[in-house]
């Protein structure tokens, strides 16, 4: 594991939608789809790997959180794994059905 991966892994936390909502309102939430490694995506963003990030944005595995996302997350009281890379909060929804 690289130093960046280790550092970001230590800074990862579980957040509720109510904790994330204020960051969404500022437009600073980046959503990572299930199946992607949240830490690896955060490293790509931290290292400003534009080609890798552009590919993920193009294929939809990483995107800015939308109003529709926010509505769904609010309705479902979604929880997330999150890592902060100011000004961004990079999140991945937790499938609570799998956690129970």
N, C-alpha and C. Protein backbone atom coordinates (compact mmCIF):
# COMPACT_ATOMS: atom_id res chain seq x y z
N UNK A 1 0.86 -1.18 0.00
CA UNK A 1 0.00 0.00 0.00
C UNK A 1 0.90 1.24 0.00
N UNK A 2 0.59 2.19 -0.86
CA UNK A 2 1.40 3.42 -0.96
C UNK A 2 1.15 4.31 0.27
N UNK A 3 2.03 5.27 0.45
CA UNK A 3 1.88 6.22 1.56
C UNK A 3 0.56 6.97 1.47
N UNK A 4 0.20 7.40 0.23
CA UNK A 4 -1.08 8.10 0.05
C UNK A 4 -2.25 7.19 0.42
N UNK A 5 -2.20 5.93 0.01
CA UNK A 5 -3.28 5.00 0.34
C UNK A 5 -3.38 4.80 1.85
N UNK A 6 -2.24 4.62 2.51
CA UNK A 6 -2.25 4.43 3.96
C UNK A 6 -2.81 5.66 4.67
N UNK A 7 -2.37 6.83 4.25
CA UNK A 7 -2.83 8.08 4.86
C UNK A 7 -4.34 8.25 4.69
N UNK A 8 -4.82 8.06 3.47
CA UNK A 8 -6.26 8.24 3.20
C UNK A 8 -7.09 7.16 3.88
N UNK A 9 -6.58 5.95 3.96
CA UNK A 9 -7.30 4.88 4.63
C UNK A 9 -7.51 5.22 6.11
N UNK A 10 -6.50 5.81 6.75
CA UNK A 10 -6.62 6.22 8.16
C UNK A 10 -7.63 7.36 8.34
N UNK A 11 -7.83 8.14 7.28
CA UNK A 11 -8.73 9.30 7.38
C UNK A 11 -10.16 8.99 6.92
N UNK A 12 -10.40 7.75 6.54
CA UNK A 12 -11.74 7.37 6.09
C UNK A 12 -12.66 7.21 7.31
N UNK A 13 -13.89 7.66 7.15
CA UNK A 13 -14.85 7.58 8.24
C UNK A 13 -16.24 7.26 7.70
N UNK A 14 -17.08 6.77 8.57
CA UNK A 14 -18.47 6.52 8.22
C UNK A 14 -19.27 7.79 8.54
N UNK A 15 -20.07 8.23 7.56
CA UNK A 15 -20.90 9.43 7.74
C UNK A 15 -22.35 9.11 7.42
N UNK A 16 -23.24 9.78 8.12
CA UNK A 16 -24.67 9.69 7.80
C UNK A 16 -25.00 10.78 6.78
N UNK A 17 -26.16 10.64 6.15
CA UNK A 17 -26.59 11.67 5.21
C UNK A 17 -26.69 13.02 5.91
N UNK A 18 -27.20 13.04 7.14
CA UNK A 18 -27.35 14.33 7.84
C UNK A 18 -26.00 15.02 8.03
N UNK A 19 -24.92 14.25 8.20
CA UNK A 19 -23.58 14.83 8.33
C UNK A 19 -23.03 15.28 6.97
N UNK A 20 -23.46 14.63 5.92
CA UNK A 20 -22.95 14.92 4.58
C UNK A 20 -23.73 16.03 3.88
N UNK A 21 -24.96 16.25 4.31
CA UNK A 21 -25.87 17.18 3.64
C UNK A 21 -25.28 18.59 3.46
N UNK A 22 -24.61 19.11 4.48
CA UNK A 22 -24.04 20.47 4.38
C UNK A 22 -22.94 20.54 3.31
N UNK A 23 -22.19 19.45 3.16
CA UNK A 23 -21.16 19.41 2.12
C UNK A 23 -21.79 19.34 0.73
N UNK A 24 -22.89 18.60 0.63
CA UNK A 24 -23.63 18.52 -0.63
C UNK A 24 -24.13 19.92 -1.01
N UNK A 25 -24.65 20.65 -0.04
CA UNK A 25 -25.19 21.99 -0.30
C UNK A 25 -24.10 22.93 -0.85
N UNK A 26 -22.85 22.69 -0.48
CA UNK A 26 -21.73 23.50 -0.98
C UNK A 26 -21.23 23.00 -2.33
N UNK A 27 -21.77 21.86 -2.80
CA UNK A 27 -21.34 21.32 -4.09
C UNK A 27 -20.00 20.60 -4.03
N UNK A 28 -19.65 20.08 -2.87
CA UNK A 28 -18.31 19.50 -2.71
C UNK A 28 -18.31 17.98 -2.53
N UNK A 29 -19.42 17.32 -2.89
CA UNK A 29 -19.49 15.86 -2.72
C UNK A 29 -19.24 15.16 -4.05
N UNK A 30 -18.27 14.25 -4.03
CA UNK A 30 -17.97 13.40 -5.18
C UNK A 30 -18.40 11.99 -4.84
N UNK A 31 -19.22 11.43 -5.70
CA UNK A 31 -19.80 10.09 -5.48
C UNK A 31 -18.99 9.04 -6.22
N UNK A 32 -18.66 7.96 -5.51
CA UNK A 32 -17.96 6.82 -6.09
C UNK A 32 -18.92 5.64 -6.09
N UNK A 33 -19.12 5.04 -7.26
CA UNK A 33 -20.06 3.93 -7.38
C UNK A 33 -19.56 2.69 -6.65
N UNK A 34 -20.52 1.84 -6.27
CA UNK A 34 -20.18 0.55 -5.66
C UNK A 34 -19.33 -0.25 -6.62
N UNK A 35 -18.44 -1.03 -6.06
CA UNK A 35 -17.55 -1.83 -6.88
C UNK A 35 -16.22 -1.15 -7.12
N UNK A 36 -16.17 0.16 -6.90
CA UNK A 36 -14.92 0.91 -7.02
C UNK A 36 -14.26 0.96 -5.64
N UNK A 37 -12.96 1.08 -5.63
CA UNK A 37 -12.22 1.21 -4.37
C UNK A 37 -12.14 2.68 -4.00
N UNK A 38 -12.84 3.06 -2.94
CA UNK A 38 -12.91 4.45 -2.51
C UNK A 38 -11.52 5.06 -2.30
N UNK A 39 -10.64 4.32 -1.67
CA UNK A 39 -9.30 4.83 -1.38
C UNK A 39 -8.50 5.03 -2.66
N UNK A 40 -8.59 4.09 -3.59
CA UNK A 40 -7.86 4.23 -4.85
C UNK A 40 -8.35 5.44 -5.64
N UNK A 41 -9.66 5.67 -5.61
CA UNK A 41 -10.21 6.85 -6.28
C UNK A 41 -9.69 8.12 -5.60
N UNK A 42 -9.68 8.13 -4.28
CA UNK A 42 -9.18 9.30 -3.55
C UNK A 42 -7.70 9.56 -3.87
N UNK A 43 -6.92 8.50 -4.00
CA UNK A 43 -5.50 8.67 -4.36
C UNK A 43 -5.38 9.30 -5.75
N UNK A 44 -6.20 8.84 -6.69
CA UNK A 44 -6.18 9.40 -8.04
C UNK A 44 -6.49 10.90 -8.00
N UNK A 45 -7.47 11.27 -7.19
CA UNK A 45 -7.82 12.69 -7.07
C UNK A 45 -6.70 13.45 -6.38
N UNK A 46 -6.17 12.90 -5.30
CA UNK A 46 -5.09 13.57 -4.56
C UNK A 46 -3.86 13.78 -5.43
N UNK A 47 -3.53 12.77 -6.26
CA UNK A 47 -2.35 12.86 -7.10
C UNK A 47 -2.62 13.60 -8.41
N UNK A 48 -3.85 14.09 -8.58
CA UNK A 48 -4.25 14.85 -9.76
C UNK A 48 -3.95 14.07 -11.04
N UNK A 49 -4.32 12.78 -11.03
CA UNK A 49 -4.14 11.91 -12.20
C UNK A 49 -5.30 12.16 -13.16
N UNK A 50 -5.15 13.20 -13.97
CA UNK A 50 -6.25 13.65 -14.84
C UNK A 50 -6.74 12.56 -15.80
N UNK A 51 -5.85 11.82 -16.49
CA UNK A 51 -6.36 10.78 -17.41
C UNK A 51 -7.22 9.73 -16.70
N UNK A 52 -6.79 9.27 -15.53
CA UNK A 52 -7.57 8.26 -14.80
C UNK A 52 -8.90 8.84 -14.32
N UNK A 53 -8.88 10.07 -13.81
CA UNK A 53 -10.10 10.70 -13.34
C UNK A 53 -11.06 10.97 -14.50
N UNK A 54 -10.56 11.44 -15.61
CA UNK A 54 -11.42 11.70 -16.78
C UNK A 54 -12.09 10.41 -17.25
N UNK A 55 -11.36 9.29 -17.22
CA UNK A 55 -11.94 8.00 -17.61
C UNK A 55 -13.08 7.62 -16.67
N UNK A 56 -12.87 7.77 -15.37
CA UNK A 56 -13.91 7.42 -14.40
C UNK A 56 -15.12 8.35 -14.51
N UNK A 57 -14.88 9.62 -14.77
CA UNK A 57 -15.99 10.55 -14.96
C UNK A 57 -16.77 10.19 -16.22
N UNK A 58 -16.05 9.82 -17.28
CA UNK A 58 -16.70 9.47 -18.55
C UNK A 58 -17.54 8.21 -18.42
N UNK A 59 -17.05 7.22 -17.67
CA UNK A 59 -17.82 5.97 -17.56
C UNK A 59 -18.83 5.99 -16.41
N UNK A 60 -18.87 7.10 -15.65
CA UNK A 60 -19.88 7.27 -14.61
C UNK A 60 -19.58 6.59 -13.29
N UNK A 61 -18.40 6.02 -13.14
CA UNK A 61 -18.08 5.38 -11.86
C UNK A 61 -17.73 6.40 -10.78
N UNK A 62 -17.41 7.62 -11.20
CA UNK A 62 -17.18 8.74 -10.29
C UNK A 62 -17.94 9.93 -10.86
N UNK A 63 -18.63 10.67 -10.00
CA UNK A 63 -19.39 11.83 -10.47
C UNK A 63 -19.65 12.79 -9.32
N UNK A 64 -20.02 14.01 -9.69
CA UNK A 64 -20.50 14.95 -8.68
C UNK A 64 -21.86 14.46 -8.22
N UNK A 65 -22.11 14.52 -6.93
CA UNK A 65 -23.41 14.11 -6.41
C UNK A 65 -24.49 15.05 -6.97
N UNK A 66 -25.61 14.48 -7.36
CA UNK A 66 -26.69 15.25 -7.99
C UNK A 66 -27.85 15.46 -7.00
N UNK A 67 -28.78 16.30 -7.41
CA UNK A 67 -30.00 16.52 -6.63
C UNK A 67 -30.75 15.20 -6.46
N UNK A 68 -30.81 14.39 -7.52
CA UNK A 68 -31.48 13.09 -7.43
C UNK A 68 -30.80 12.18 -6.41
N UNK A 69 -29.45 12.22 -6.38
CA UNK A 69 -28.72 11.44 -5.36
C UNK A 69 -29.14 11.90 -3.97
N UNK A 70 -29.15 13.21 -3.78
CA UNK A 70 -29.48 13.77 -2.46
C UNK A 70 -30.89 13.37 -2.03
N UNK A 71 -31.84 13.41 -2.94
CA UNK A 71 -33.22 13.02 -2.61
C UNK A 71 -33.27 11.56 -2.17
N UNK A 72 -32.61 10.69 -2.92
CA UNK A 72 -32.59 9.27 -2.58
C UNK A 72 -31.89 9.04 -1.24
N UNK A 73 -30.75 9.66 -1.05
CA UNK A 73 -30.00 9.49 0.19
C UNK A 73 -30.80 9.97 1.39
N UNK A 74 -31.55 11.06 1.22
CA UNK A 74 -32.38 11.58 2.30
C UNK A 74 -33.52 10.61 2.61
N UNK A 75 -34.18 10.13 1.57
CA UNK A 75 -35.31 9.19 1.76
C UNK A 75 -34.86 7.90 2.43
N UNK A 76 -33.68 7.44 2.11
CA UNK A 76 -33.19 6.14 2.60
C UNK A 76 -32.30 6.27 3.84
N UNK A 77 -32.07 7.49 4.32
CA UNK A 77 -31.14 7.71 5.44
C UNK A 77 -29.82 6.97 5.20
N UNK A 78 -29.27 7.18 4.02
CA UNK A 78 -28.07 6.49 3.58
C UNK A 78 -26.87 6.82 4.46
N UNK A 79 -26.03 5.81 4.67
CA UNK A 79 -24.74 6.01 5.32
C UNK A 79 -23.66 5.81 4.28
N UNK A 80 -22.51 6.41 4.53
CA UNK A 80 -21.43 6.43 3.55
C UNK A 80 -20.09 6.15 4.21
N UNK A 81 -19.18 5.61 3.40
CA UNK A 81 -17.76 5.68 3.71
C UNK A 81 -17.29 6.95 3.04
N UNK A 82 -16.51 7.75 3.73
CA UNK A 82 -16.11 9.04 3.19
C UNK A 82 -14.66 9.34 3.54
N UNK A 83 -14.05 10.10 2.66
CA UNK A 83 -12.71 10.64 2.91
C UNK A 83 -12.71 12.08 2.41
N UNK A 84 -12.10 12.96 3.20
CA UNK A 84 -12.06 14.37 2.85
C UNK A 84 -10.72 14.70 2.20
N UNK A 85 -10.82 15.29 1.04
CA UNK A 85 -9.67 15.89 0.34
C UNK A 85 -10.12 17.31 0.01
N UNK A 86 -9.94 18.19 0.97
CA UNK A 86 -10.47 19.55 0.84
C UNK A 86 -10.16 20.12 -0.54
N UNK A 87 -11.15 20.71 -1.18
CA UNK A 87 -12.49 21.02 -0.68
C UNK A 87 -13.50 19.89 -0.89
N UNK A 88 -13.05 18.73 -1.35
CA UNK A 88 -13.96 17.64 -1.70
C UNK A 88 -14.20 16.67 -0.55
N UNK A 89 -15.41 16.11 -0.54
CA UNK A 89 -15.73 14.97 0.31
C UNK A 89 -16.08 13.85 -0.66
N UNK A 90 -15.28 12.82 -0.66
CA UNK A 90 -15.44 11.70 -1.60
C UNK A 90 -16.18 10.60 -0.85
N UNK A 91 -17.33 10.17 -1.39
CA UNK A 91 -18.20 9.24 -0.66
C UNK A 91 -18.59 8.03 -1.49
N UNK A 92 -18.89 6.97 -0.76
CA UNK A 92 -19.43 5.76 -1.36
C UNK A 92 -20.53 5.26 -0.43
N UNK A 93 -21.73 5.12 -0.97
CA UNK A 93 -22.86 4.66 -0.16
C UNK A 93 -22.60 3.25 0.35
N UNK A 94 -23.02 3.03 1.58
CA UNK A 94 -22.91 1.71 2.19
C UNK A 94 -24.23 0.99 1.96
N UNK A 95 -24.15 -0.23 1.45
CA UNK A 95 -25.36 -1.04 1.26
C UNK A 95 -25.71 -1.67 2.60
N UNK A 96 -26.64 -1.02 3.32
CA UNK A 96 -26.98 -1.47 4.66
C UNK A 96 -27.59 -2.86 4.68
N UNK A 97 -28.17 -3.29 3.56
CA UNK A 97 -28.72 -4.65 3.50
C UNK A 97 -27.61 -5.68 3.64
N UNK A 98 -26.43 -5.34 3.11
CA UNK A 98 -25.32 -6.26 3.21
C UNK A 98 -24.63 -6.20 4.55
N UNK A 99 -24.82 -5.08 5.29
CA UNK A 99 -24.15 -4.91 6.56
C UNK A 99 -24.90 -5.58 7.71
N UNK A 100 -26.16 -5.93 7.51
CA UNK A 100 -26.93 -6.48 8.63
C UNK A 100 -26.75 -7.96 8.78
